[in-house]
Amino acid sequence: MIKILVVEDDVKLNQIVCTYLNDSGFQTKGCFNASDAYGEMHNNLYDLIISDIMMPEIDGFEFARTVREVNQVIPILFMSAKDDLPSKQKGFHLGIDDYMVKPIEMDELLLRVRALLRRANIEMERKITVGNLLLDADAMSAEIDGEEISLTTREFNIIYKLLSYPKKTFSRAQLMDEFWGVDSDTSLRAVDVYVTKLRDKLSACDGFKIVTVRGLGYKAVLI
């Protein structure tokens, strides 16, 4: 099921949007500030973000900028009371994908969400099959030839990310920022440790290999 993160400090509007999207077949999580949203994104894989701009402490612009530093492909939709062109220009310059002005029509929001997901080629069934490996993002499970393989949440998220974008190289810093958090004090070498563990646990997979790109990071190559 598609997972959507709603970042909106208006509690009532947040609940309305989440309820409407849940009723429309999505799995939606609401956060009331960007700090909580960062925590959610570090522990879960989301397919689309809906964000307000005017929020306390960290506004939507800074939030979108940070998200884009670690994830350049997830669709971001701003919904804001700011109707001026400079705000829209700033949002799109930061890398958002769509912009809606409050008050929001829920039916239009649904149309835009579905359009963004289509453009991102995101399917409702969040499963990846590569050779004899099956990854199920909703169940957070991995199977090789039908036998379940035990992966930690972070291990699963890393391999799911690599296989979602085969041949794309992700730097250690990108993976660290996305799955450990931008404020983490953990060494970048921790990424190497996790990749070594993944290679060992998934050694029986016949459809891909995790390749080290010298001086850059890692990528999944289909075979």
N, C-alpha and C. Protein backbone atom coordinates (compact mmCIF):
# COMPACT_ATOMS: atom_id res chain seq x y z
N MET A 1 0.84 -1.19 0.00
CA MET A 1 0.00 0.00 0.00
C MET A 1 0.88 1.25 0.00
N ILE A 2 0.50 2.25 -0.76
CA ILE A 2 1.23 3.50 -0.83
C ILE A 2 1.19 4.21 0.52
N LYS A 3 2.37 4.66 0.96
CA LYS A 3 2.47 5.35 2.25
C LYS A 3 2.73 6.84 2.01
N ILE A 4 1.89 7.68 2.63
CA ILE A 4 1.96 9.13 2.45
C ILE A 4 2.20 9.78 3.80
N LEU A 5 3.13 10.74 3.83
CA LEU A 5 3.44 11.49 5.04
C LEU A 5 2.84 12.90 4.90
N VAL A 6 2.00 13.28 5.87
CA VAL A 6 1.38 14.60 5.87
C VAL A 6 2.01 15.42 7.00
N VAL A 7 2.64 16.54 6.64
CA VAL A 7 3.31 17.40 7.62
C VAL A 7 2.54 18.72 7.66
N GLU A 8 1.74 18.90 8.71
CA GLU A 8 0.83 20.03 8.80
C GLU A 8 0.56 20.31 10.27
N ASP A 9 0.81 21.56 10.72
CA ASP A 9 0.67 21.86 12.14
C ASP A 9 -0.77 22.19 12.55
N ASP A 10 -1.66 22.38 11.58
CA ASP A 10 -3.08 22.54 11.89
C ASP A 10 -3.65 21.14 12.14
N VAL A 11 -3.91 20.85 13.41
CA VAL A 11 -4.30 19.49 13.81
C VAL A 11 -5.55 19.03 13.06
N LYS A 12 -6.56 19.91 12.99
CA LYS A 12 -7.82 19.53 12.34
C LYS A 12 -7.62 19.22 10.86
N LEU A 13 -6.88 20.10 10.15
CA LEU A 13 -6.65 19.88 8.72
C LEU A 13 -5.81 18.62 8.52
N ASN A 14 -4.82 18.41 9.37
CA ASN A 14 -4.00 17.21 9.29
C ASN A 14 -4.87 15.97 9.37
N GLN A 15 -5.77 15.95 10.34
CA GLN A 15 -6.64 14.79 10.52
C GLN A 15 -7.59 14.60 9.35
N ILE A 16 -8.10 15.71 8.81
CA ILE A 16 -9.02 15.63 7.67
C ILE A 16 -8.31 15.03 6.46
N VAL A 17 -7.11 15.54 6.17
CA VAL A 17 -6.34 15.04 5.01
C VAL A 17 -6.00 13.56 5.18
N CYS A 18 -5.53 13.20 6.37
CA CYS A 18 -5.15 11.81 6.62
C CYS A 18 -6.35 10.88 6.49
N THR A 19 -7.47 11.28 7.07
CA THR A 19 -8.66 10.44 7.01
C THR A 19 -9.14 10.27 5.56
N TYR A 20 -9.14 11.36 4.81
CA TYR A 20 -9.60 11.30 3.42
C TYR A 20 -8.71 10.40 2.58
N LEU A 21 -7.40 10.54 2.74
CA LEU A 21 -6.49 9.72 1.95
C LEU A 21 -6.52 8.26 2.39
N ASN A 22 -6.67 8.02 3.69
CA ASN A 22 -6.82 6.64 4.17
C ASN A 22 -8.07 6.00 3.58
N ASP A 23 -9.16 6.76 3.56
CA ASP A 23 -10.41 6.25 2.99
C ASP A 23 -10.31 6.02 1.48
N SER A 24 -9.31 6.67 0.86
CA SER A 24 -9.11 6.53 -0.59
C SER A 24 -8.13 5.41 -0.94
N GLY A 25 -7.71 4.66 0.08
CA GLY A 25 -6.88 3.49 -0.18
C GLY A 25 -5.40 3.65 0.10
N PHE A 26 -5.01 4.78 0.69
CA PHE A 26 -3.60 4.99 1.02
C PHE A 26 -3.37 4.74 2.51
N GLN A 27 -2.11 4.59 2.88
CA GLN A 27 -1.73 4.50 4.28
C GLN A 27 -1.05 5.80 4.64
N THR A 28 -1.70 6.61 5.46
CA THR A 28 -1.25 7.98 5.70
C THR A 28 -0.87 8.19 7.15
N LYS A 29 0.24 8.90 7.35
CA LYS A 29 0.71 9.24 8.69
C LYS A 29 0.81 10.75 8.80
N GLY A 30 0.24 11.32 9.86
CA GLY A 30 0.30 12.75 10.06
C GLY A 30 1.35 13.15 11.08
N CYS A 31 2.10 14.19 10.76
CA CYS A 31 3.05 14.80 11.71
C CYS A 31 2.72 16.28 11.80
N PHE A 32 2.94 16.86 12.99
CA PHE A 32 2.59 18.25 13.20
C PHE A 32 3.77 19.20 13.11
N ASN A 33 4.95 18.65 12.86
CA ASN A 33 6.13 19.49 12.67
C ASN A 33 7.18 18.70 11.89
N ALA A 34 8.17 19.43 11.37
CA ALA A 34 9.18 18.80 10.53
C ALA A 34 10.08 17.86 11.32
N SER A 35 10.36 18.19 12.57
CA SER A 35 11.23 17.33 13.37
C SER A 35 10.65 15.92 13.50
N ASP A 36 9.34 15.84 13.79
CA ASP A 36 8.70 14.53 13.88
C ASP A 36 8.69 13.83 12.52
N ALA A 37 8.55 14.62 11.45
CA ALA A 37 8.54 14.05 10.10
C ALA A 37 9.90 13.42 9.77
N TYR A 38 10.99 14.08 10.18
CA TYR A 38 12.32 13.50 9.95
C TYR A 38 12.42 12.13 10.62
N GLY A 39 11.93 12.05 11.86
CA GLY A 39 11.96 10.78 12.57
C GLY A 39 11.18 9.70 11.87
N GLU A 40 10.01 10.06 11.36
CA GLU A 40 9.20 9.09 10.62
C GLU A 40 9.94 8.60 9.38
N MET A 41 10.57 9.50 8.67
CA MET A 41 11.23 9.14 7.42
C MET A 41 12.49 8.31 7.66
N HIS A 42 13.09 8.45 8.83
CA HIS A 42 14.27 7.65 9.12
C HIS A 42 13.91 6.21 9.42
N ASN A 43 12.69 6.00 9.89
CA ASN A 43 12.27 4.66 10.32
C ASN A 43 11.31 3.97 9.36
N ASN A 44 10.81 4.70 8.37
CA ASN A 44 9.82 4.14 7.46
C ASN A 44 10.07 4.62 6.04
N LEU A 45 9.62 3.83 5.08
CA LEU A 45 9.72 4.21 3.67
C LEU A 45 8.41 4.85 3.23
N TYR A 46 8.47 6.12 2.85
CA TYR A 46 7.28 6.81 2.37
C TYR A 46 7.39 7.03 0.87
N ASP A 47 6.22 7.11 0.23
CA ASP A 47 6.18 7.25 -1.23
C ASP A 47 5.86 8.66 -1.68
N LEU A 48 5.30 9.49 -0.79
CA LEU A 48 4.91 10.86 -1.16
C LEU A 48 4.80 11.68 0.11
N ILE A 49 5.14 12.97 0.01
CA ILE A 49 5.04 13.89 1.15
C ILE A 49 4.12 15.04 0.80
N ILE A 50 3.20 15.35 1.72
CA ILE A 50 2.37 16.55 1.62
C ILE A 50 2.78 17.44 2.78
N SER A 51 3.17 18.68 2.50
CA SER A 51 3.70 19.54 3.56
C SER A 51 3.15 20.96 3.50
N ASP A 52 2.88 21.50 4.68
CA ASP A 52 2.58 22.91 4.83
C ASP A 52 3.89 23.70 4.70
N ILE A 53 3.80 25.00 4.56
CA ILE A 53 5.00 25.85 4.55
C ILE A 53 5.20 26.52 5.90
N MET A 54 4.16 27.20 6.39
CA MET A 54 4.29 27.98 7.62
C MET A 54 4.09 27.08 8.83
N MET A 55 5.21 26.56 9.35
CA MET A 55 5.20 25.70 10.52
C MET A 55 6.22 26.22 11.52
N PRO A 56 6.05 25.97 12.80
CA PRO A 56 6.98 26.47 13.82
C PRO A 56 8.36 25.81 13.71
N GLU A 57 9.38 26.56 14.08
CA GLU A 57 10.78 26.11 14.15
C GLU A 57 11.36 25.81 12.77
N ILE A 58 10.90 24.76 12.11
CA ILE A 58 11.40 24.41 10.78
C ILE A 58 10.25 24.58 9.80
N ASP A 59 10.37 25.55 8.87
CA ASP A 59 9.27 25.76 7.94
C ASP A 59 9.35 24.78 6.77
N GLY A 60 8.33 24.82 5.94
CA GLY A 60 8.24 23.86 4.83
C GLY A 60 9.37 23.99 3.84
N PHE A 61 9.88 25.20 3.63
CA PHE A 61 10.99 25.39 2.71
C PHE A 61 12.23 24.65 3.20
N GLU A 62 12.57 24.85 4.47
CA GLU A 62 13.74 24.18 5.02
C GLU A 62 13.54 22.66 5.05
N PHE A 63 12.32 22.25 5.36
CA PHE A 63 12.01 20.82 5.37
C PHE A 63 12.22 20.21 3.99
N ALA A 64 11.68 20.87 2.95
CA ALA A 64 11.81 20.36 1.58
C ALA A 64 13.28 20.34 1.16
N ARG A 65 14.03 21.37 1.55
CA ARG A 65 15.45 21.42 1.20
C ARG A 65 16.20 20.23 1.80
N THR A 66 15.91 19.93 3.06
CA THR A 66 16.58 18.82 3.74
C THR A 66 16.19 17.48 3.11
N VAL A 67 14.91 17.31 2.81
CA VAL A 67 14.45 16.07 2.18
C VAL A 67 15.16 15.86 0.85
N ARG A 68 15.26 16.93 0.07
CA ARG A 68 15.87 16.81 -1.26
C ARG A 68 17.37 16.50 -1.18
N GLU A 69 18.01 16.86 -0.08
CA GLU A 69 19.43 16.55 0.07
C GLU A 69 19.66 15.05 0.18
N VAL A 70 18.68 14.33 0.73
CA VAL A 70 18.86 12.90 0.95
C VAL A 70 17.98 12.03 0.06
N ASN A 71 16.95 12.63 -0.52
CA ASN A 71 16.05 11.87 -1.39
C ASN A 71 15.59 12.78 -2.52
N GLN A 72 16.16 12.57 -3.70
CA GLN A 72 15.89 13.47 -4.81
C GLN A 72 14.67 13.08 -5.64
N VAL A 73 14.02 11.97 -5.29
CA VAL A 73 12.95 11.48 -6.16
C VAL A 73 11.57 11.43 -5.51
N ILE A 74 11.46 11.43 -4.19
CA ILE A 74 10.15 11.31 -3.57
C ILE A 74 9.30 12.53 -3.92
N PRO A 75 8.07 12.35 -4.41
CA PRO A 75 7.22 13.50 -4.74
C PRO A 75 6.88 14.31 -3.48
N ILE A 76 6.96 15.64 -3.61
CA ILE A 76 6.61 16.55 -2.52
C ILE A 76 5.53 17.51 -3.02
N LEU A 77 4.43 17.58 -2.29
CA LEU A 77 3.34 18.49 -2.62
C LEU A 77 3.19 19.49 -1.48
N PHE A 78 3.33 20.78 -1.79
CA PHE A 78 3.08 21.82 -0.80
C PHE A 78 1.60 22.17 -0.78
N MET A 79 1.01 22.31 0.41
CA MET A 79 -0.31 22.91 0.52
C MET A 79 -0.18 24.04 1.53
N SER A 80 -0.47 25.26 1.09
CA SER A 80 -0.16 26.43 1.90
C SER A 80 -1.16 27.55 1.67
N ALA A 81 -1.29 28.40 2.69
CA ALA A 81 -2.11 29.60 2.55
C ALA A 81 -1.36 30.68 1.77
N LYS A 82 -0.07 30.50 1.56
CA LYS A 82 0.74 31.47 0.83
C LYS A 82 0.43 31.36 -0.67
N ASP A 83 -0.18 32.40 -1.20
CA ASP A 83 -0.65 32.37 -2.59
C ASP A 83 0.21 33.24 -3.51
N ASP A 84 1.34 33.72 -2.99
CA ASP A 84 2.16 34.64 -3.79
C ASP A 84 3.12 33.87 -4.68
N LEU A 85 3.45 34.46 -5.81
CA LEU A 85 4.33 33.82 -6.79
C LEU A 85 5.72 33.54 -6.23
N PRO A 86 6.33 34.47 -5.46
CA PRO A 86 7.67 34.17 -4.92
C PRO A 86 7.71 32.91 -4.06
N SER A 87 6.65 32.66 -3.27
CA SER A 87 6.62 31.45 -2.45
C SER A 87 6.56 30.21 -3.34
N LYS A 88 5.75 30.29 -4.39
CA LYS A 88 5.66 29.16 -5.31
C LYS A 88 6.99 28.94 -6.03
N GLN A 89 7.60 30.03 -6.47
CA GLN A 89 8.89 29.91 -7.16
C GLN A 89 9.94 29.30 -6.24
N LYS A 90 9.96 29.73 -4.98
CA LYS A 90 10.94 29.21 -4.04
C LYS A 90 10.73 27.71 -3.81
N GLY A 91 9.46 27.32 -3.67
CA GLY A 91 9.16 25.90 -3.47
C GLY A 91 9.61 25.05 -4.64
N PHE A 92 9.28 25.46 -5.84
CA PHE A 92 9.67 24.67 -7.01
C PHE A 92 11.19 24.71 -7.23
N HIS A 93 11.81 25.83 -6.88
CA HIS A 93 13.27 25.92 -6.99
C HIS A 93 13.94 24.92 -6.03
N LEU A 94 13.31 24.67 -4.89
CA LEU A 94 13.86 23.72 -3.91
C LEU A 94 13.60 22.27 -4.32
N GLY A 95 12.72 22.08 -5.31
CA GLY A 95 12.52 20.73 -5.82
C GLY A 95 11.19 20.10 -5.51
N ILE A 96 10.19 20.91 -5.05
CA ILE A 96 8.86 20.32 -4.84
C ILE A 96 8.25 20.00 -6.20
N ASP A 97 7.19 19.17 -6.19
CA ASP A 97 6.58 18.72 -7.44
C ASP A 97 5.21 19.33 -7.72
N ASP A 98 4.54 19.84 -6.69
CA ASP A 98 3.22 20.44 -6.89
C ASP A 98 2.94 21.39 -5.74
N TYR A 99 1.99 22.30 -5.95
CA TYR A 99 1.69 23.35 -4.97
C TYR A 99 0.19 23.61 -4.99
N MET A 100 -0.46 23.49 -3.84
CA MET A 100 -1.88 23.78 -3.72
C MET A 100 -2.08 24.88 -2.68
N VAL A 101 -3.02 25.78 -2.97
CA VAL A 101 -3.31 26.90 -2.08
C VAL A 101 -4.53 26.57 -1.23
N LYS A 102 -4.40 26.79 0.07
CA LYS A 102 -5.53 26.58 0.99
C LYS A 102 -6.59 27.66 0.76
N PRO A 103 -7.87 27.35 0.98
CA PRO A 103 -8.41 26.06 1.45
C PRO A 103 -8.33 24.98 0.37
N ILE A 104 -8.10 23.75 0.82
CA ILE A 104 -7.87 22.63 -0.09
C ILE A 104 -9.17 21.88 -0.36
N GLU A 105 -9.42 21.59 -1.63
CA GLU A 105 -10.51 20.69 -2.01
C GLU A 105 -9.96 19.26 -1.97
N MET A 106 -10.57 18.41 -1.15
CA MET A 106 -10.04 17.07 -0.97
C MET A 106 -10.06 16.27 -2.28
N ASP A 107 -11.08 16.45 -3.07
CA ASP A 107 -11.15 15.71 -4.34
C ASP A 107 -10.01 16.12 -5.27
N GLU A 108 -9.68 17.41 -5.28
CA GLU A 108 -8.57 17.87 -6.11
C GLU A 108 -7.24 17.37 -5.56
N LEU A 109 -7.12 17.36 -4.24
CA LEU A 109 -5.91 16.83 -3.62
C LEU A 109 -5.68 15.39 -4.04
N LEU A 110 -6.74 14.59 -4.03
CA LEU A 110 -6.63 13.18 -4.42
C LEU A 110 -6.18 13.06 -5.88
N LEU A 111 -6.73 13.89 -6.76
CA LEU A 111 -6.33 13.86 -8.16
C LEU A 111 -4.85 14.18 -8.32
N ARG A 112 -4.38 15.16 -7.58
CA ARG A 112 -2.98 15.56 -7.70
C ARG A 112 -2.05 14.49 -7.11
N VAL A 113 -2.46 13.90 -6.00
CA VAL A 113 -1.66 12.83 -5.40
C VAL A 113 -1.52 11.68 -6.38
N ARG A 114 -2.60 11.27 -6.98
CA ARG A 114 -2.55 10.15 -7.92
C ARG A 114 -1.70 10.50 -9.14
N ALA A 115 -1.78 11.75 -9.60
CA ALA A 115 -0.98 12.16 -10.75
C ALA A 115 0.51 12.14 -10.41
N LEU A 116 0.87 12.61 -9.21
CA LEU A 116 2.27 12.60 -8.80
C LEU A 116 2.80 11.17 -8.69
N LEU A 117 1.98 10.28 -8.16
CA LEU A 117 2.41 8.88 -8.03
C LEU A 117 2.57 8.23 -9.39
N ARG A 118 1.69 8.57 -10.34
CA ARG A 118 1.83 8.03 -11.70
C ARG A 118 3.13 8.50 -12.32
N ARG A 119 3.42 9.79 -12.17
CA ARG A 119 4.64 10.33 -12.77
C ARG A 119 5.89 9.73 -12.13
N ALA A 120 5.77 9.35 -10.87
CA ALA A 120 6.90 8.74 -10.17
C ALA A 120 6.96 7.23 -10.40
N ASN A 121 6.00 6.71 -11.18
CA ASN A 121 5.95 5.27 -11.48
C ASN A 121 5.88 4.42 -10.22
N ILE A 122 5.14 4.90 -9.23
CA ILE A 122 4.98 4.17 -7.98
C ILE A 122 3.69 3.35 -8.04
N GLU A 123 3.82 2.07 -7.82
CA GLU A 123 2.69 1.17 -7.88
C GLU A 123 2.04 1.02 -6.51
N MET A 124 0.75 0.68 -6.50
CA MET A 124 0.04 0.47 -5.24
C MET A 124 0.60 -0.72 -4.48
N GLU A 125 1.12 -1.71 -5.19
CA GLU A 125 1.69 -2.89 -4.56
C GLU A 125 3.18 -2.63 -4.35
N ARG A 126 3.59 -2.42 -3.11
CA ARG A 126 4.97 -2.02 -2.85
C ARG A 126 5.83 -3.26 -2.62
N LYS A 127 6.02 -4.00 -3.71
CA LYS A 127 6.85 -5.20 -3.65
C LYS A 127 7.88 -5.14 -4.76
N ILE A 128 9.05 -5.65 -4.48
CA ILE A 128 10.12 -5.73 -5.47
C ILE A 128 10.53 -7.19 -5.59
N THR A 129 10.52 -7.70 -6.82
CA THR A 129 11.00 -9.05 -7.07
C THR A 129 12.20 -8.97 -8.00
N VAL A 130 13.32 -9.47 -7.54
CA VAL A 130 14.55 -9.50 -8.34
C VAL A 130 15.11 -10.92 -8.25
N GLY A 131 15.05 -11.65 -9.35
CA GLY A 131 15.49 -13.04 -9.32
C GLY A 131 14.68 -13.82 -8.30
N ASN A 132 15.34 -14.48 -7.38
CA ASN A 132 14.64 -15.29 -6.38
C ASN A 132 14.38 -14.54 -5.07
N LEU A 133 14.60 -13.21 -5.09
CA LEU A 133 14.37 -12.38 -3.91
C LEU A 133 13.06 -11.62 -4.03
N LEU A 134 12.27 -11.65 -2.96
CA LEU A 134 11.03 -10.87 -2.89
C LEU A 134 11.12 -9.96 -1.68
N LEU A 135 10.99 -8.65 -1.91
CA LEU A 135 10.93 -7.66 -0.84
C LEU A 135 9.52 -7.10 -0.76
N ASP A 136 8.94 -7.10 0.42
CA ASP A 136 7.60 -6.57 0.65
C ASP A 136 7.72 -5.41 1.63
N ALA A 137 7.55 -4.18 1.12
CA ALA A 137 7.77 -3.00 1.95
C ALA A 137 6.69 -2.84 3.01
N ASP A 138 5.48 -3.31 2.74
CA ASP A 138 4.42 -3.18 3.73
C ASP A 138 4.64 -4.14 4.89
N ALA A 139 5.06 -5.35 4.59
CA ALA A 139 5.33 -6.34 5.64
C ALA A 139 6.75 -6.23 6.19
N MET A 140 7.58 -5.39 5.53
CA MET A 140 9.00 -5.26 5.89
C MET A 140 9.65 -6.64 5.93
N SER A 141 9.38 -7.44 4.90
CA SER A 141 9.88 -8.82 4.89
C SER A 141 10.68 -9.09 3.62
N ALA A 142 11.60 -10.05 3.73
CA ALA A 142 12.41 -10.47 2.60
C ALA A 142 12.39 -11.98 2.51
N GLU A 143 12.22 -12.50 1.27
CA GLU A 143 12.20 -13.94 1.07
C GLU A 143 13.12 -14.30 -0.09
N ILE A 144 13.84 -15.39 0.08
CA ILE A 144 14.64 -15.96 -1.00
C ILE A 144 14.12 -17.36 -1.25
N ASP A 145 13.64 -17.58 -2.48
CA ASP A 145 13.03 -18.87 -2.83
C ASP A 145 11.93 -19.26 -1.84
N GLY A 146 11.18 -18.25 -1.39
CA GLY A 146 10.05 -18.50 -0.50
C GLY A 146 10.41 -18.63 0.97
N GLU A 147 11.70 -18.60 1.28
CA GLU A 147 12.14 -18.72 2.67
C GLU A 147 12.48 -17.34 3.22
N GLU A 148 11.87 -17.00 4.36
CA GLU A 148 12.06 -15.66 4.92
C GLU A 148 13.49 -15.48 5.42
N ILE A 149 14.03 -14.29 5.12
CA ILE A 149 15.37 -13.91 5.56
C ILE A 149 15.21 -12.80 6.61
N SER A 150 15.88 -12.95 7.72
CA SER A 150 15.77 -11.97 8.80
C SER A 150 16.63 -10.74 8.50
N LEU A 151 15.97 -9.60 8.31
CA LEU A 151 16.67 -8.34 8.11
C LEU A 151 16.20 -7.34 9.16
N THR A 152 17.11 -6.51 9.66
CA THR A 152 16.70 -5.42 10.54
C THR A 152 15.99 -4.37 9.70
N THR A 153 15.29 -3.45 10.35
CA THR A 153 14.59 -2.39 9.63
C THR A 153 15.56 -1.59 8.76
N ARG A 154 16.72 -1.26 9.31
CA ARG A 154 17.69 -0.46 8.54
C ARG A 154 18.26 -1.27 7.38
N GLU A 155 18.53 -2.53 7.58
CA GLU A 155 19.02 -3.38 6.49
C GLU A 155 17.99 -3.45 5.38
N PHE A 156 16.72 -3.65 5.76
CA PHE A 156 15.66 -3.74 4.76
C PHE A 156 15.57 -2.43 3.98
N ASN A 157 15.56 -1.30 4.69
CA ASN A 157 15.41 -0.01 4.02
C ASN A 157 16.55 0.25 3.04
N ILE A 158 17.76 -0.14 3.40
CA ILE A 158 18.90 0.09 2.52
C ILE A 158 18.78 -0.75 1.24
N ILE A 159 18.48 -2.03 1.37
CA ILE A 159 18.41 -2.88 0.18
C ILE A 159 17.19 -2.52 -0.67
N TYR A 160 16.09 -2.14 -0.02
CA TYR A 160 14.90 -1.73 -0.77
C TYR A 160 15.21 -0.46 -1.58
N LYS A 161 15.96 0.45 -0.96
CA LYS A 161 16.34 1.69 -1.65
C LYS A 161 17.23 1.37 -2.86
N LEU A 162 18.24 0.55 -2.66
CA LEU A 162 19.16 0.22 -3.75
C LEU A 162 18.44 -0.46 -4.91
N LEU A 163 17.54 -1.39 -4.57
CA LEU A 163 16.84 -2.13 -5.62
C LEU A 163 15.71 -1.33 -6.26
N SER A 164 15.27 -0.28 -5.59
CA SER A 164 14.25 0.60 -6.20
C SER A 164 14.85 1.42 -7.33
N TYR A 165 16.17 1.64 -7.26
CA TYR A 165 16.86 2.44 -8.28
C TYR A 165 18.12 1.71 -8.72
N PRO A 166 17.95 0.57 -9.40
CA PRO A 166 19.12 -0.20 -9.83
C PRO A 166 20.03 0.63 -10.73
N LYS A 167 21.31 0.40 -10.58
CA LYS A 167 22.38 1.09 -11.31
C LYS A 167 22.64 2.51 -10.81
N LYS A 168 21.77 3.04 -9.92
CA LYS A 168 22.00 4.38 -9.37
C LYS A 168 22.93 4.25 -8.17
N THR A 169 23.97 5.05 -8.15
CA THR A 169 24.92 5.02 -7.04
C THR A 169 24.46 5.94 -5.92
N PHE A 170 24.43 5.39 -4.71
CA PHE A 170 24.12 6.18 -3.53
C PHE A 170 25.39 6.30 -2.69
N SER A 171 25.74 7.51 -2.34
CA SER A 171 26.93 7.72 -1.52
C SER A 171 26.67 7.24 -0.10
N ARG A 172 27.74 6.98 0.63
CA ARG A 172 27.59 6.61 2.03
C ARG A 172 26.88 7.71 2.80
N ALA A 173 27.19 8.96 2.47
CA ALA A 173 26.57 10.09 3.18
C ALA A 173 25.07 10.13 2.91
N GLN A 174 24.65 9.87 1.67
CA GLN A 174 23.22 9.85 1.35
C GLN A 174 22.50 8.78 2.16
N LEU A 175 23.06 7.59 2.18
CA LEU A 175 22.43 6.50 2.92
C LEU A 175 22.44 6.78 4.42
N MET A 176 23.52 7.35 4.91
CA MET A 176 23.61 7.68 6.32
C MET A 176 22.56 8.72 6.69
N ASP A 177 22.44 9.79 5.89
CA ASP A 177 21.48 10.85 6.19
C ASP A 177 20.05 10.34 6.16
N GLU A 178 19.76 9.45 5.21
CA GLU A 178 18.38 8.99 5.07
C GLU A 178 18.00 7.97 6.13
N PHE A 179 18.90 7.07 6.49
CA PHE A 179 18.51 5.96 7.37
C PHE A 179 19.10 6.02 8.77
N TRP A 180 20.00 6.97 9.01
CA TRP A 180 20.49 7.20 10.38
C TRP A 180 20.02 8.56 10.90
N GLY A 181 19.77 9.49 9.98
CA GLY A 181 19.37 10.84 10.39
C GLY A 181 20.48 11.83 10.12
N VAL A 182 20.08 13.05 9.72
CA VAL A 182 21.06 14.06 9.33
C VAL A 182 21.92 14.51 10.51
N ASP A 183 21.45 14.32 11.74
CA ASP A 183 22.21 14.75 12.91
C ASP A 183 22.97 13.60 13.57
N SER A 184 23.02 12.46 12.90
CA SER A 184 23.66 11.30 13.50
C SER A 184 25.17 11.52 13.65
N ASP A 185 25.71 11.05 14.78
CA ASP A 185 27.15 11.12 15.01
C ASP A 185 27.87 9.85 14.56
N THR A 186 27.10 8.91 14.01
CA THR A 186 27.66 7.63 13.60
C THR A 186 28.62 7.82 12.41
N SER A 187 29.69 7.08 12.39
CA SER A 187 30.67 7.16 11.30
C SER A 187 30.08 6.62 10.01
N LEU A 188 30.54 7.18 8.90
CA LEU A 188 30.11 6.69 7.58
C LEU A 188 30.49 5.23 7.39
N ARG A 189 31.48 4.76 8.14
CA ARG A 189 31.89 3.35 8.00
C ARG A 189 30.78 2.41 8.43
N ALA A 190 29.80 2.92 9.19
CA ALA A 190 28.67 2.07 9.60
C ALA A 190 27.90 1.58 8.37
N VAL A 191 27.88 2.39 7.31
CA VAL A 191 27.21 1.98 6.08
C VAL A 191 27.91 0.76 5.50
N ASP A 192 29.24 0.75 5.53
CA ASP A 192 30.01 -0.39 5.03
C ASP A 192 29.67 -1.66 5.82
N VAL A 193 29.52 -1.50 7.13
CA VAL A 193 29.20 -2.65 7.97
C VAL A 193 27.84 -3.23 7.58
N TYR A 194 26.87 -2.36 7.35
CA TYR A 194 25.53 -2.84 6.99
C TYR A 194 25.54 -3.49 5.60
N VAL A 195 26.27 -2.92 4.67
CA VAL A 195 26.34 -3.51 3.33
C VAL A 195 27.00 -4.89 3.40
N THR A 196 28.03 -5.03 4.22
CA THR A 196 28.68 -6.34 4.39
C THR A 196 27.69 -7.36 4.94
N LYS A 197 26.89 -6.95 5.90
CA LYS A 197 25.88 -7.84 6.47
C LYS A 197 24.84 -8.23 5.41
N LEU A 198 24.43 -7.25 4.59
CA LEU A 198 23.45 -7.53 3.54
C LEU A 198 24.01 -8.50 2.51
N ARG A 199 25.23 -8.30 2.12
CA ARG A 199 25.84 -9.21 1.15
C ARG A 199 25.87 -10.64 1.69
N ASP A 200 26.14 -10.76 2.98
CA ASP A 200 26.19 -12.09 3.60
C ASP A 200 24.79 -12.70 3.67
N LYS A 201 23.82 -11.94 4.15
CA LYS A 201 22.46 -12.47 4.31
C LYS A 201 21.80 -12.78 2.98
N LEU A 202 22.15 -12.01 1.94
CA LEU A 202 21.51 -12.16 0.64
C LEU A 202 22.43 -12.85 -0.38
N SER A 203 23.39 -13.59 0.11
CA SER A 203 24.37 -14.24 -0.77
C SER A 203 23.73 -15.26 -1.71
N ALA A 204 22.55 -15.79 -1.33
CA ALA A 204 21.89 -16.79 -2.18
C ALA A 204 21.02 -16.14 -3.26
N CYS A 205 20.96 -14.83 -3.29
CA CYS A 205 20.17 -14.15 -4.33
C CYS A 205 20.85 -14.30 -5.68
N ASP A 206 20.05 -14.57 -6.70
CA ASP A 206 20.64 -14.80 -8.02
C ASP A 206 20.32 -13.69 -9.02
N GLY A 207 19.67 -12.61 -8.58
CA GLY A 207 19.23 -11.61 -9.55
C GLY A 207 19.97 -10.28 -9.50
N PHE A 208 20.84 -10.10 -8.51
CA PHE A 208 21.54 -8.82 -8.41
C PHE A 208 22.78 -8.98 -7.53
N LYS A 209 23.59 -7.96 -7.55
CA LYS A 209 24.71 -7.88 -6.60
C LYS A 209 24.88 -6.43 -6.18
N ILE A 210 25.35 -6.23 -4.96
CA ILE A 210 25.63 -4.88 -4.47
C ILE A 210 27.08 -4.57 -4.83
N VAL A 211 27.25 -3.53 -5.62
CA VAL A 211 28.57 -3.18 -6.14
C VAL A 211 29.11 -1.97 -5.39
N THR A 212 30.38 -2.03 -5.01
CA THR A 212 31.05 -0.88 -4.41
C THR A 212 31.57 0.02 -5.52
N VAL A 213 31.17 1.29 -5.50
CA VAL A 213 31.67 2.26 -6.46
C VAL A 213 32.78 3.03 -5.77
N ARG A 214 33.99 2.76 -6.14
CA ARG A 214 35.16 3.28 -5.43
C ARG A 214 35.10 4.81 -5.28
N GLY A 215 35.24 5.26 -4.07
CA GLY A 215 35.26 6.69 -3.79
C GLY A 215 33.88 7.33 -3.72
N LEU A 216 32.82 6.56 -4.04
CA LEU A 216 31.48 7.13 -4.06
C LEU A 216 30.55 6.45 -3.05
N GLY A 217 30.25 5.18 -3.30
CA GLY A 217 29.30 4.50 -2.42
C GLY A 217 28.92 3.15 -2.98
N TYR A 218 27.61 2.89 -3.07
CA TYR A 218 27.13 1.57 -3.48
C TYR A 218 25.97 1.69 -4.47
N LYS A 219 25.82 0.62 -5.27
CA LYS A 219 24.67 0.53 -6.16
C LYS A 219 24.31 -0.94 -6.32
N ALA A 220 23.07 -1.19 -6.69
CA ALA A 220 22.62 -2.54 -6.99
C ALA A 220 22.65 -2.74 -8.50
N VAL A 221 23.27 -3.81 -8.93
CA VAL A 221 23.37 -4.12 -10.36
C VAL A 221 22.65 -5.43 -10.62
N LEU A 222 21.66 -5.40 -11.54
CA LEU A 222 20.92 -6.60 -11.86
C LEU A 222 21.77 -7.51 -12.73
N ILE A 223 21.65 -8.82 -12.52
CA ILE A 223 22.45 -9.78 -13.27
C ILE A 223 21.56 -10.86 -13.88
